[in-house]
Amino acid sequence: MKQNKEKYILSSRHHFFTGNVFIILAVFIFLVLLFTVLFVLKQNDFFLPSLSSVYKDWNNGDYVSCYEKTSRILTRRPLDGAVLAMHGFSSYYIFTGQINVNDERNYLNDAVTSLRKSWYRVAEEEKPEIAYILGKAYYHKGFYYADLSLKYLAYALESGADYKDIPEFCGLSLSLLEDYEKAVEYFTQALSNKPSDLLLYTLADTYAKIPDYMKAKQYFTETLRVTQDDLLKLKCHNAMGNIFLSEKLYQEAETEFQSIIEKDPDSADAYYGLGLVQESRGDVVKARAQWRKALRLNPSHAGAREKLSG
């Protein structure tokens, strides 16, 4: 009886371990298959966003999502021209909405780098749009990149790209290079394409730098007529005041600067201009009083600081 009982116990253990071995083996095989499938899917970019979803975000104006998705795709396909282009486009448009200077610089640099890489990896018919955004991005990088801005904007124009702000950005880049006469040509074209008070002011300001004071005053006056922007009005009055100073029309200059102070009593530039008017009349005491007001309002005002240090 005892012997039969022991046989029964051994037989039970045998069946228990045999059953568990099969379960463990089945689980092991399942895990191997699972990891194999996941590996294959990952190698085939199964988990990456689709390019169609990127285009959808772009068309919806969701540049942040477009930027994030293209960033993920580029970790797997760093030389994909279409993805690089979309990453550059979204970087640029995110840059235009930034307030933080460091974020601005990062997005702008990312835009330029991505678009330059995409340039060599896309079809010829896709290059005009890349040139258009790349040209604008280079303008924002400043004086040392203005020639590159003009190069790519010219390519976009010559390729038939139909963007109304290309002449404006050409004019802005030429202004950085101090080629004001040629800049005027582009600003005039931009104004005919897309009239705006800001473009009128920019054209007037460029004429003032040539200097062509007659046309500058004409466009500043037109800007004052059409604009509803109070800040732009003040800038026009200040620019007109400076032109009158250059023309030695001191009474007219004083009128312009006084009109600014009536609307903005904290305008350091207006007090500085009034000081120059008083100086022209030989009243140094009143002139210095105006410059001191300017310096109190703006301690870093270069003109007032220079006058008071002399």
C-alpha atoms as a PDB file:
ATOM      1  CA  MET A   1       0.000   0.000   0.000  1.00  0.00           C
ATOM      2  CA  LYS A   2       2.820   2.348   0.830  1.00  0.00           C
ATOM      3  CA  GLN A   3       4.660   1.516  -2.392  1.00  0.00           C
ATOM      4  CA  ASN A   4       1.587   2.270  -4.532  1.00  0.00           C
ATOM      5  CA  LYS A   5       1.171   5.605  -2.820  1.00  0.00           C
ATOM      6  CA  GLU A   6       4.772   6.593  -3.557  1.00  0.00           C
ATOM      7  CA  LYS A   7       4.330   5.625  -7.229  1.00  0.00           C
ATOM      8  CA  TYR A   8       1.247   7.797  -7.379  1.00  0.00           C
ATOM      9  CA  ILE A   9       3.095  10.835  -5.938  1.00  0.00           C
ATOM     10  CA  LEU A  10       6.013  10.444  -8.384  1.00  0.00           C
ATOM     11  CA  SER A  11       3.598  10.107 -11.282  1.00  0.00           C
ATOM     12  CA  SER A  12       1.808  13.344 -10.253  1.00  0.00           C
ATOM     13  CA  ARG A  13       5.079  15.262 -10.094  1.00  0.00           C
ATOM     14  CA  HIS A  14       6.058  13.952 -13.483  1.00  0.00           C
ATOM     15  CA  HIS A  15       2.824  15.197 -15.053  1.00  0.00           C
ATOM     16  CA  PHE A  16       3.124  18.610 -13.306  1.00  0.00           C
ATOM     17  CA  PHE A  17       6.641  19.376 -14.561  1.00  0.00           C
ATOM     18  CA  THR A  18       5.934  18.000 -18.013  1.00  0.00           C
ATOM     19  CA  GLY A  19       2.897  20.305 -18.377  1.00  0.00           C
ATOM     20  CA  ASN A  20       4.795  23.378 -17.135  1.00  0.00           C
ATOM     21  CA  VAL A  21       7.694  22.761 -19.499  1.00  0.00           C
ATOM     22  CA  PHE A  22       5.300  22.921 -22.432  1.00  0.00           C
ATOM     23  CA  ILE A  23       3.732  26.130 -21.091  1.00  0.00           C
ATOM     24  CA  ILE A  24       7.116  27.763 -20.531  1.00  0.00           C
ATOM     25  CA  LEU A  25       8.266  26.676 -23.973  1.00  0.00           C
ATOM     26  CA  ALA A  26       5.083  28.056 -25.540  1.00  0.00           C
ATOM     27  CA  VAL A  27       5.507  31.403 -23.734  1.00  0.00           C
ATOM     28  CA  PHE A  28       9.141  31.552 -24.804  1.00  0.00           C
ATOM     29  CA  ILE A  29       8.270  30.880 -28.434  1.00  0.00           C
ATOM     30  CA  PHE A  30       5.508  33.498 -28.278  1.00  0.00           C
ATOM     31  CA  LEU A  31       7.883  36.130 -26.871  1.00  0.00           C
ATOM     32  CA  VAL A  32      10.517  35.334 -29.485  1.00  0.00           C
ATOM     33  CA  LEU A  33       7.934  35.693 -32.234  1.00  0.00           C
ATOM     34  CA  LEU A  34       6.597  38.912 -30.687  1.00  0.00           C
ATOM     35  CA  PHE A  35      10.026  40.530 -30.454  1.00  0.00           C
ATOM     36  CA  THR A  36      10.845  39.368 -33.960  1.00  0.00           C
ATOM     37  CA  VAL A  37       7.676  40.947 -35.336  1.00  0.00           C
ATOM     38  CA  LEU A  38       8.300  44.161 -33.397  1.00  0.00           C
ATOM     39  CA  PHE A  39      11.885  44.280 -34.656  1.00  0.00           C
ATOM     40  CA  VAL A  40      10.790  43.795 -38.259  1.00  0.00           C
ATOM     41  CA  LEU A  41       8.084  46.446 -37.897  1.00  0.00           C
ATOM     42  CA  LYS A  42      10.569  48.864 -36.381  1.00  0.00           C
ATOM     43  CA  GLN A  43      13.077  48.227 -39.144  1.00  0.00           C
ATOM     44  CA  ASN A  44      10.340  48.994 -41.653  1.00  0.00           C
ATOM     45  CA  ASP A  45       9.384  52.267 -39.870  1.00  0.00           C
ATOM     46  CA  PHE A  46       5.977  50.894 -38.895  1.00  0.00           C
ATOM     47  CA  PHE A  47       5.863  53.069 -35.769  1.00  0.00           C
ATOM     48  CA  LEU A  48       6.903  56.309 -37.501  1.00  0.00           C
ATOM     49  CA  PRO A  49       4.321  58.934 -38.540  1.00  0.00           C
ATOM     50  CA  SER A  50       3.294  58.745 -42.170  1.00  0.00           C
ATOM     51  CA  LEU A  51       4.296  61.480 -44.581  1.00  0.00           C
ATOM     52  CA  SER A  52       0.618  61.911 -45.452  1.00  0.00           C
ATOM     53  CA  SER A  53      -0.102  62.823 -41.808  1.00  0.00           C
ATOM     54  CA  VAL A  54       2.729  65.379 -41.980  1.00  0.00           C
ATOM     55  CA  TYR A  55       1.163  66.978 -45.071  1.00  0.00           C
ATOM     56  CA  LYS A  56      -2.217  66.990 -43.351  1.00  0.00           C
ATOM     57  CA  ASP A  57      -0.775  68.863 -40.363  1.00  0.00           C
ATOM     58  CA  TRP A  58       0.902  71.293 -42.741  1.00  0.00           C
ATOM     59  CA  ASN A  59      -2.328  72.004 -44.611  1.00  0.00           C
ATOM     60  CA  ASN A  60      -4.093  72.553 -41.279  1.00  0.00           C
ATOM     61  CA  GLY A  61      -1.413  75.012 -40.182  1.00  0.00           C
ATOM     62  CA  ASP A  62      -0.298  72.777 -37.303  1.00  0.00           C
ATOM     63  CA  TYR A  63       3.415  73.516 -37.687  1.00  0.00           C
ATOM     64  CA  VAL A  64       4.363  72.214 -34.238  1.00  0.00           C
ATOM     65  CA  SER A  65       2.922  68.770 -34.963  1.00  0.00           C
ATOM     66  CA  CYS A  66       4.534  68.824 -38.409  1.00  0.00           C
ATOM     67  CA  TYR A  67       7.875  69.698 -36.801  1.00  0.00           C
ATOM     68  CA  GLU A  68       7.618  66.951 -34.172  1.00  0.00           C
ATOM     69  CA  LYS A  69       6.608  64.271 -36.663  1.00  0.00           C
ATOM     70  CA  THR A  70       9.366  65.129 -39.122  1.00  0.00           C
ATOM     71  CA  SER A  71      11.869  65.145 -36.251  1.00  0.00           C
ATOM     72  CA  ARG A  72      10.869  61.547 -35.436  1.00  0.00           C
ATOM     73  CA  ILE A  73      11.050  60.433 -39.057  1.00  0.00           C
ATOM     74  CA  LEU A  74      14.486  62.002 -39.518  1.00  0.00           C
ATOM     75  CA  THR A  75      15.904  59.902 -36.674  1.00  0.00           C
ATOM     76  CA  ARG A  76      15.336  56.894 -38.948  1.00  0.00           C
ATOM     77  CA  ARG A  77      15.611  58.548 -42.373  1.00  0.00           C
ATOM     78  CA  PRO A  78      18.014  61.481 -41.977  1.00  0.00           C
ATOM     79  CA  LEU A  79      18.504  61.924 -45.736  1.00  0.00           C
ATOM     80  CA  ASP A  80      14.865  61.906 -46.815  1.00  0.00           C
ATOM     81  CA  GLY A  81      14.567  65.045 -48.961  1.00  0.00           C
ATOM     82  CA  ALA A  82      10.796  65.466 -48.645  1.00  0.00           C
ATOM     83  CA  VAL A  83      10.896  65.081 -44.863  1.00  0.00           C
ATOM     84  CA  LEU A  84      13.859  67.473 -44.573  1.00  0.00           C
ATOM     85  CA  ALA A  85      11.958  70.058 -46.604  1.00  0.00           C
ATOM     86  CA  MET A  86       8.830  69.782 -44.450  1.00  0.00           C
ATOM     87  CA  HIS A  87      10.957  69.938 -41.310  1.00  0.00           C
ATOM     88  CA  GLY A  88      12.614  73.109 -42.597  1.00  0.00           C
ATOM     89  CA  PHE A  89       9.289  74.700 -43.550  1.00  0.00           C
ATOM     90  CA  SER A  90       7.709  73.986 -40.169  1.00  0.00           C
ATOM     91  CA  SER A  91      10.851  75.197 -38.355  1.00  0.00           C
ATOM     92  CA  TYR A  92      10.688  78.513 -40.202  1.00  0.00           C
ATOM     93  CA  TYR A  93       7.015  79.133 -39.467  1.00  0.00           C
ATOM     94  CA  ILE A  94       7.454  78.202 -35.798  1.00  0.00           C
ATOM     95  CA  PHE A  95      10.388  80.661 -35.722  1.00  0.00           C
ATOM     96  CA  THR A  96       8.171  83.501 -36.975  1.00  0.00           C
ATOM     97  CA  GLY A  97       5.859  83.041 -33.980  1.00  0.00           C
ATOM     98  CA  GLN A  98       8.537  82.873 -31.285  1.00  0.00           C
ATOM     99  CA  ILE A  99       9.104  85.484 -28.579  1.00  0.00           C
ATOM    100  CA  ASN A 100      12.099  83.946 -26.811  1.00  0.00           C
ATOM    101  CA  VAL A 101      15.313  84.960 -28.612  1.00  0.00           C
ATOM    102  CA  ASN A 102      17.087  81.658 -27.968  1.00  0.00           C
ATOM    103  CA  ASP A 103      14.126  79.662 -29.294  1.00  0.00           C
ATOM    104  CA  GLU A 104      14.005  81.938 -32.332  1.00  0.00           C
ATOM    105  CA  ARG A 105      17.657  81.287 -33.114  1.00  0.00           C
ATOM    106  CA  ASN A 106      17.318  77.526 -32.684  1.00  0.00           C
ATOM    107  CA  TYR A 107      14.287  77.210 -34.970  1.00  0.00           C
ATOM    108  CA  LEU A 108      15.805  79.544 -37.575  1.00  0.00           C
ATOM    109  CA  ASN A 109      19.076  77.605 -37.666  1.00  0.00           C
ATOM    110  CA  ASP A 110      17.149  74.342 -37.852  1.00  0.00           C
ATOM    111  CA  ALA A 111      15.157  75.687 -40.794  1.00  0.00           C
ATOM    112  CA  VAL A 112      18.258  76.727 -42.738  1.00  0.00           C
ATOM    113  CA  THR A 113      20.117  73.475 -42.043  1.00  0.00           C
ATOM    114  CA  SER A 114      17.181  71.260 -43.016  1.00  0.00           C
ATOM    115  CA  LEU A 115      16.375  73.190 -46.181  1.00  0.00           C
ATOM    116  CA  ARG A 116      20.009  73.219 -47.309  1.00  0.00           C
ATOM    117  CA  LYS A 117      20.151  69.433 -46.871  1.00  0.00           C
ATOM    118  CA  SER A 118      16.869  68.929 -48.700  1.00  0.00           C
ATOM    119  CA  TRP A 119      18.057  71.062 -51.637  1.00  0.00           C
ATOM    120  CA  TYR A 120      20.259  68.219 -52.897  1.00  0.00           C
ATOM    121  CA  ARG A 121      17.675  65.477 -52.314  1.00  0.00           C
ATOM    122  CA  VAL A 122      14.489  66.706 -53.968  1.00  0.00           C
ATOM    123  CA  ALA A 123      13.278  66.953 -57.553  1.00  0.00           C
ATOM    124  CA  GLU A 124      13.985  70.166 -59.488  1.00  0.00           C
ATOM    125  CA  GLU A 125      10.319  71.179 -59.491  1.00  0.00           C
ATOM    126  CA  GLU A 126      10.316  71.245 -55.682  1.00  0.00           C
ATOM    127  CA  LYS A 127      13.281  73.618 -55.384  1.00  0.00           C
ATOM    128  CA  PRO A 128      11.481  76.955 -56.000  1.00  0.00           C
ATOM    129  CA  GLU A 129       9.406  76.564 -52.826  1.00  0.00           C
ATOM    130  CA  ILE A 130      12.500  75.574 -50.844  1.00  0.00           C
ATOM    131  CA  ALA A 131      14.375  78.577 -52.289  1.00  0.00           C
ATOM    132  CA  TYR A 132      11.510  80.879 -51.278  1.00  0.00           C
ATOM    133  CA  ILE A 133      11.548  79.862 -47.596  1.00  0.00           C
ATOM    134  CA  LEU A 134      15.347  79.546 -47.487  1.00  0.00           C
ATOM    135  CA  GLY A 135      15.739  83.059 -48.890  1.00  0.00           C
ATOM    136  CA  LYS A 136      13.460  84.504 -46.216  1.00  0.00           C
ATOM    137  CA  ALA A 137      15.220  82.522 -43.498  1.00  0.00           C
ATOM    138  CA  TYR A 138      18.614  83.854 -44.596  1.00  0.00           C
ATOM    139  CA  TYR A 139      17.281  87.418 -44.462  1.00  0.00           C
ATOM    140  CA  HIS A 140      16.354  86.909 -40.799  1.00  0.00           C
ATOM    141  CA  LYS A 141      19.906  85.750 -40.061  1.00  0.00           C
ATOM    142  CA  GLY A 142      21.110  89.283 -40.769  1.00  0.00           C
ATOM    143  CA  PHE A 143      23.681  91.264 -42.728  1.00  0.00           C
ATOM    144  CA  TYR A 144      26.211  88.477 -43.296  1.00  0.00           C
ATOM    145  CA  TYR A 145      23.582  86.277 -44.942  1.00  0.00           C
ATOM    146  CA  ALA A 146      21.829  88.947 -47.030  1.00  0.00           C
ATOM    147  CA  ASP A 147      23.641  87.896 -50.220  1.00  0.00           C
ATOM    148  CA  LEU A 148      22.446  84.302 -49.751  1.00  0.00           C
ATOM    149  CA  SER A 149      18.931  85.584 -49.143  1.00  0.00           C
ATOM    150  CA  LEU A 150      19.031  87.394 -52.489  1.00  0.00           C
ATOM    151  CA  LYS A 151      20.494  84.341 -54.229  1.00  0.00           C
ATOM    152  CA  TYR A 152      17.668  82.018 -53.209  1.00  0.00           C
ATOM    153  CA  LEU A 153      14.907  84.603 -53.599  1.00  0.00           C
ATOM    154  CA  ALA A 154      16.177  85.313 -57.132  1.00  0.00           C
ATOM    155  CA  TYR A 155      16.090  81.572 -57.869  1.00  0.00           C
ATOM    156  CA  ALA A 156      12.496  81.420 -56.658  1.00  0.00           C
ATOM    157  CA  LEU A 157      11.507  84.400 -58.818  1.00  0.00           C
ATOM    158  CA  GLU A 158      13.272  83.096 -61.919  1.00  0.00           C
ATOM    159  CA  SER A 159      11.632  79.705 -61.436  1.00  0.00           C
ATOM    160  CA  GLY A 160       8.188  81.286 -61.509  1.00  0.00           C
ATOM    161  CA  ALA A 161       7.372  81.002 -57.810  1.00  0.00           C
ATOM    162  CA  ASP A 162       4.222  83.051 -57.224  1.00  0.00           C
ATOM    163  CA  TYR A 163       4.680  84.539 -53.763  1.00  0.00           C
ATOM    164  CA  LYS A 164       3.766  88.212 -53.390  1.00  0.00           C
ATOM    165  CA  ASP A 165       6.214  88.927 -50.574  1.00  0.00           C
ATOM    166  CA  ILE A 166       9.360  87.938 -52.523  1.00  0.00           C
ATOM    167  CA  PRO A 167       9.987  91.524 -53.759  1.00  0.00           C
ATOM    168  CA  GLU A 168       9.565  92.819 -50.201  1.00  0.00           C
ATOM    169  CA  PHE A 169      12.187  90.418 -48.834  1.00  0.00           C
ATOM    170  CA  CYS A 170      14.511  91.244 -51.740  1.00  0.00           C
ATOM    171  CA  GLY A 171      14.170  94.910 -50.802  1.00  0.00           C
ATOM    172  CA  LEU A 172      14.819  94.176 -47.140  1.00  0.00           C
ATOM    173  CA  SER A 173      17.950  92.176 -47.956  1.00  0.00           C
ATOM    174  CA  LEU A 174      19.214  94.931 -50.256  1.00  0.00           C
ATOM    175  CA  SER A 175      18.612  97.440 -47.458  1.00  0.00           C
ATOM    176  CA  LEU A 176      20.799  95.337 -45.171  1.00  0.00           C
ATOM    177  CA  LEU A 177      23.518  95.627 -47.832  1.00  0.00           C
ATOM    178  CA  GLU A 178      22.823  99.421 -48.050  1.00  0.00           C
ATOM    179  CA  ASP A 179      21.901  99.183 -51.732  1.00  0.00           C
ATOM    180  CA  TYR A 180      18.971 101.520 -51.177  1.00  0.00           C
ATOM    181  CA  GLU A 181      18.303 102.539 -54.777  1.00  0.00           C
ATOM    182  CA  LYS A 182      17.829  98.942 -55.868  1.00  0.00           C
ATOM    183  CA  ALA A 183      15.849  98.231 -52.701  1.00  0.00           C
ATOM    184  CA  VAL A 184      13.421 100.997 -53.697  1.00  0.00           C
ATOM    185  CA  GLU A 185      12.693  99.172 -56.970  1.00  0.00           C
ATOM    186  CA  TYR A 186      11.709  96.014 -55.112  1.00  0.00           C
ATOM    187  CA  PHE A 187       9.685  97.842 -52.441  1.00  0.00           C
ATOM    188  CA  THR A 188       7.776  99.683 -55.180  1.00  0.00           C
ATOM    189  CA  GLN A 189       6.999  96.347 -56.850  1.00  0.00           C
ATOM    190  CA  ALA A 190       5.988  94.859 -53.494  1.00  0.00           C
ATOM    191  CA  LEU A 191       3.693  97.811 -52.857  1.00  0.00           C
ATOM    192  CA  SER A 192       1.914  97.253 -56.168  1.00  0.00           C
ATOM    193  CA  ASN A 193       1.557  93.527 -55.376  1.00  0.00           C
ATOM    194  CA  LYS A 194       0.343  93.902 -51.827  1.00  0.00           C
ATOM    195  CA  PRO A 195      -0.291  97.484 -50.602  1.00  0.00           C
ATOM    196  CA  SER A 196       0.129  98.095 -46.875  1.00  0.00           C
ATOM    197  CA  ASP A 197       0.912 100.955 -44.527  1.00  0.00           C
ATOM    198  CA  LEU A 198       4.074  99.201 -43.345  1.00  0.00           C
ATOM    199  CA  LEU A 199       5.354  98.848 -46.911  1.00  0.00           C
ATOM    200  CA  LEU A 200       4.616 102.527 -47.535  1.00  0.00           C
ATOM    201  CA  TYR A 201       6.639 103.424 -44.451  1.00  0.00           C
ATOM    202  CA  THR A 202       9.489 101.104 -45.477  1.00  0.00           C
ATOM    203  CA  LEU A 203       9.609 102.678 -48.949  1.00  0.00           C
ATOM    204  CA  ALA A 204       9.617 106.171 -47.436  1.00  0.00           C
ATOM    205  CA  ASP A 205      12.377 105.241 -44.996  1.00  0.00           C
ATOM    206  CA  THR A 206      14.468 103.789 -47.837  1.00  0.00           C
ATOM    207  CA  TYR A 207      14.090 106.979 -49.888  1.00  0.00           C
ATOM    208  CA  ALA A 208      15.261 108.923 -46.830  1.00  0.00           C
ATOM    209  CA  LYS A 209      18.424 106.811 -46.711  1.00  0.00           C
ATOM    210  CA  ILE A 210      19.316 107.399 -50.400  1.00  0.00           C
ATOM    211  CA  PRO A 211      18.663 110.353 -49.601  1.00  0.00           C
ATOM    212  CA  ASP A 212      15.731 111.472 -51.737  1.00  0.00           C
ATOM    213  CA  TYR A 213      13.889 113.673 -49.263  1.00  0.00           C
ATOM    214  CA  MET A 214      11.141 114.798 -51.630  1.00  0.00           C
ATOM    215  CA  LYS A 215       9.934 111.243 -52.283  1.00  0.00           C
ATOM    216  CA  ALA A 216      10.576 110.250 -48.681  1.00  0.00           C
ATOM    217  CA  LYS A 217       8.242 112.990 -47.415  1.00  0.00           C
ATOM    218  CA  GLN A 218       5.696 112.053 -50.059  1.00  0.00           C
ATOM    219  CA  TYR A 219       5.522 108.437 -48.852  1.00  0.00           C
ATOM    220  CA  PHE A 220       5.658 109.340 -45.148  1.00  0.00           C
ATOM    221  CA  THR A 221       2.706 111.663 -45.725  1.00  0.00           C
ATOM    222  CA  GLU A 222       0.839 108.913 -47.572  1.00  0.00           C
ATOM    223  CA  THR A 223       1.572 106.486 -44.725  1.00  0.00           C
ATOM    224  CA  LEU A 224       0.117 108.968 -42.224  1.00  0.00           C
ATOM    225  CA  ARG A 225      -2.975 109.289 -44.421  1.00  0.00           C
ATOM    226  CA  VAL A 226      -3.780 105.583 -44.643  1.00  0.00           C
ATOM    227  CA  THR A 227      -2.488 104.010 -41.424  1.00  0.00           C
ATOM    228  CA  GLN A 228      -4.500 103.382 -38.271  1.00  0.00           C
ATOM    229  CA  ASP A 229      -1.403 102.287 -36.365  1.00  0.00           C
ATOM    230  CA  ASP A 230      -0.553 104.935 -33.741  1.00  0.00           C
ATOM    231  CA  LEU A 231       3.018 103.687 -33.318  1.00  0.00           C
ATOM    232  CA  LEU A 232       3.624 103.883 -37.070  1.00  0.00           C
ATOM    233  CA  LYS A 233       2.252 107.435 -37.077  1.00  0.00           C
ATOM    234  CA  LEU A 234       4.754 108.454 -34.395  1.00  0.00           C
ATOM    235  CA  LYS A 235       7.595 106.893 -36.396  1.00  0.00           C
ATOM    236  CA  CYS A 236       6.507 108.846 -39.473  1.00  0.00           C
ATOM    237  CA  HIS A 237       6.454 112.135 -37.562  1.00  0.00           C
ATOM    238  CA  ASN A 238       9.913 111.448 -36.139  1.00  0.00           C
ATOM    239  CA  ALA A 239      11.296 110.585 -39.585  1.00  0.00           C
ATOM    240  CA  MET A 240       9.743 113.733 -41.071  1.00  0.00           C
ATOM    241  CA  GLY A 241      11.235 115.799 -38.248  1.00  0.00           C
ATOM    242  CA  ASN A 242      14.696 114.419 -38.984  1.00  0.00           C
ATOM    243  CA  ILE A 243      14.302 115.164 -42.692  1.00  0.00           C
ATOM    244  CA  PHE A 244      13.317 118.756 -41.913  1.00  0.00           C
ATOM    245  CA  LEU A 245      16.387 119.047 -39.681  1.00  0.00           C
ATOM    246  CA  SER A 246      18.556 117.859 -42.575  1.00  0.00           C
ATOM    247  CA  GLU A 247      16.892 120.457 -44.817  1.00  0.00           C
ATOM    248  CA  LYS A 248      17.399 123.131 -42.117  1.00  0.00           C
ATOM    249  CA  LEU A 249      13.645 123.681 -41.904  1.00  0.00           C
ATOM    250  CA  TYR A 250      13.719 123.998 -38.138  1.00  0.00           C
ATOM    251  CA  GLN A 251      10.199 125.306 -37.552  1.00  0.00           C
ATOM    252  CA  GLU A 252       8.728 122.391 -39.500  1.00  0.00           C
ATOM    253  CA  ALA A 253      10.954 119.973 -37.585  1.00  0.00           C
ATOM    254  CA  GLU A 254       9.812 121.418 -34.252  1.00  0.00           C
ATOM    255  CA  THR A 255       6.178 120.966 -35.280  1.00  0.00           C
ATOM    256  CA  GLU A 256       6.764 117.281 -36.029  1.00  0.00           C
ATOM    257  CA  PHE A 257       8.552 116.594 -32.730  1.00  0.00           C
ATOM    258  CA  GLN A 258       5.930 118.510 -30.721  1.00  0.00           C
ATOM    259  CA  SER A 259       3.166 116.469 -32.349  1.00  0.00           C
ATOM    260  CA  ILE A 260       4.907 113.310 -31.096  1.00  0.00           C
ATOM    261  CA  ILE A 261       5.157 114.573 -27.505  1.00  0.00           C
ATOM    262  CA  GLU A 262       1.451 115.479 -27.509  1.00  0.00           C
ATOM    263  CA  LYS A 263       0.647 111.808 -28.140  1.00  0.00           C
ATOM    264  CA  ASP A 264       3.636 110.208 -26.410  1.00  0.00           C
ATOM    265  CA  PRO A 265       5.182 112.349 -23.614  1.00  0.00           C
ATOM    266  CA  ASP A 266       7.782 109.621 -23.021  1.00  0.00           C
ATOM    267  CA  SER A 267       9.382 109.791 -26.471  1.00  0.00           C
ATOM    268  CA  ALA A 268      13.126 110.211 -25.969  1.00  0.00           C
ATOM    269  CA  ASP A 269      13.653 110.625 -29.717  1.00  0.00           C
ATOM    270  CA  ALA A 270      11.242 113.575 -29.852  1.00  0.00           C
ATOM    271  CA  TYR A 271      13.005 115.391 -26.992  1.00  0.00           C
ATOM    272  CA  TYR A 272      16.336 114.715 -28.657  1.00  0.00           C
ATOM    273  CA  GLY A 273      14.993 116.239 -31.888  1.00  0.00           C
ATOM    274  CA  LEU A 274      13.700 119.298 -30.048  1.00  0.00           C
ATOM    275  CA  GLY A 275      17.160 119.674 -28.546  1.00  0.00           C
ATOM    276  CA  LEU A 276      18.643 119.748 -32.039  1.00  0.00           C
ATOM    277  CA  VAL A 277      16.125 122.440 -33.018  1.00  0.00           C
ATOM    278  CA  GLN A 278      17.133 124.564 -29.996  1.00  0.00           C
ATOM    279  CA  GLU A 279      20.805 123.983 -30.799  1.00  0.00           C
ATOM    280  CA  SER A 280      20.254 125.257 -34.348  1.00  0.00           C
ATOM    281  CA  ARG A 281      18.857 128.472 -32.844  1.00  0.00           C
ATOM    282  CA  GLY A 282      21.911 128.893 -30.662  1.00  0.00           C
ATOM    283  CA  ASP A 283      20.073 128.220 -27.391  1.00  0.00           C
ATOM    284  CA  VAL A 284      22.425 125.625 -25.880  1.00  0.00           C
ATOM    285  CA  VAL A 285      20.821 125.792 -22.410  1.00  0.00           C
ATOM    286  CA  LYS A 286      17.387 124.779 -23.721  1.00  0.00           C
ATOM    287  CA  ALA A 287      18.974 122.232 -26.025  1.00  0.00           C
ATOM    288  CA  ARG A 288      20.788 120.506 -23.168  1.00  0.00           C
ATOM    289  CA  ALA A 289      17.586 120.528 -21.094  1.00  0.00           C
ATOM    290  CA  GLN A 290      15.812 118.625 -23.874  1.00  0.00           C
ATOM    291  CA  TRP A 291      18.665 116.130 -24.179  1.00  0.00           C
ATOM    292  CA  ARG A 292      18.617 115.521 -20.433  1.00  0.00           C
ATOM    293  CA  LYS A 293      14.892 114.713 -20.710  1.00  0.00           C
ATOM    294  CA  ALA A 294      15.687 112.290 -23.520  1.00  0.00           C
ATOM    295  CA  LEU A 295      18.375 110.613 -21.440  1.00  0.00           C
ATOM    296  CA  ARG A 296      16.111 110.270 -18.423  1.00  0.00           C
ATOM    297  CA  LEU A 297      13.524 108.541 -20.582  1.00  0.00           C
ATOM    298  CA  ASN A 298      16.120 106.387 -22.333  1.00  0.00           C
ATOM    299  CA  PRO A 299      19.477 106.184 -20.510  1.00  0.00           C
ATOM    300  CA  SER A 300      21.026 104.423 -23.508  1.00  0.00           C
ATOM    301  CA  HIS A 301      19.999 107.054 -26.070  1.00  0.00           C
ATOM    302  CA  ALA A 302      23.224 107.381 -28.059  1.00  0.00           C
ATOM    303  CA  GLY A 303      22.523 110.821 -29.540  1.00  0.00           C
ATOM    304  CA  ALA A 304      21.553 112.497 -26.269  1.00  0.00           C
ATOM    305  CA  ARG A 305      24.472 110.868 -24.444  1.00  0.00           C
ATOM    306  CA  GLU A 306      26.923 112.104 -27.063  1.00  0.00           C
ATOM    307  CA  LYS A 307      25.545 115.655 -26.985  1.00  0.00           C
ATOM    308  CA  LEU A 308      25.685 115.884 -23.180  1.00  0.00           C
ATOM    309  CA  SER A 309      29.194 114.453 -22.989  1.00  0.00           C
ATOM    310  CA  GLY A 310      30.550 117.145 -25.329  1.00  0.00           C
END
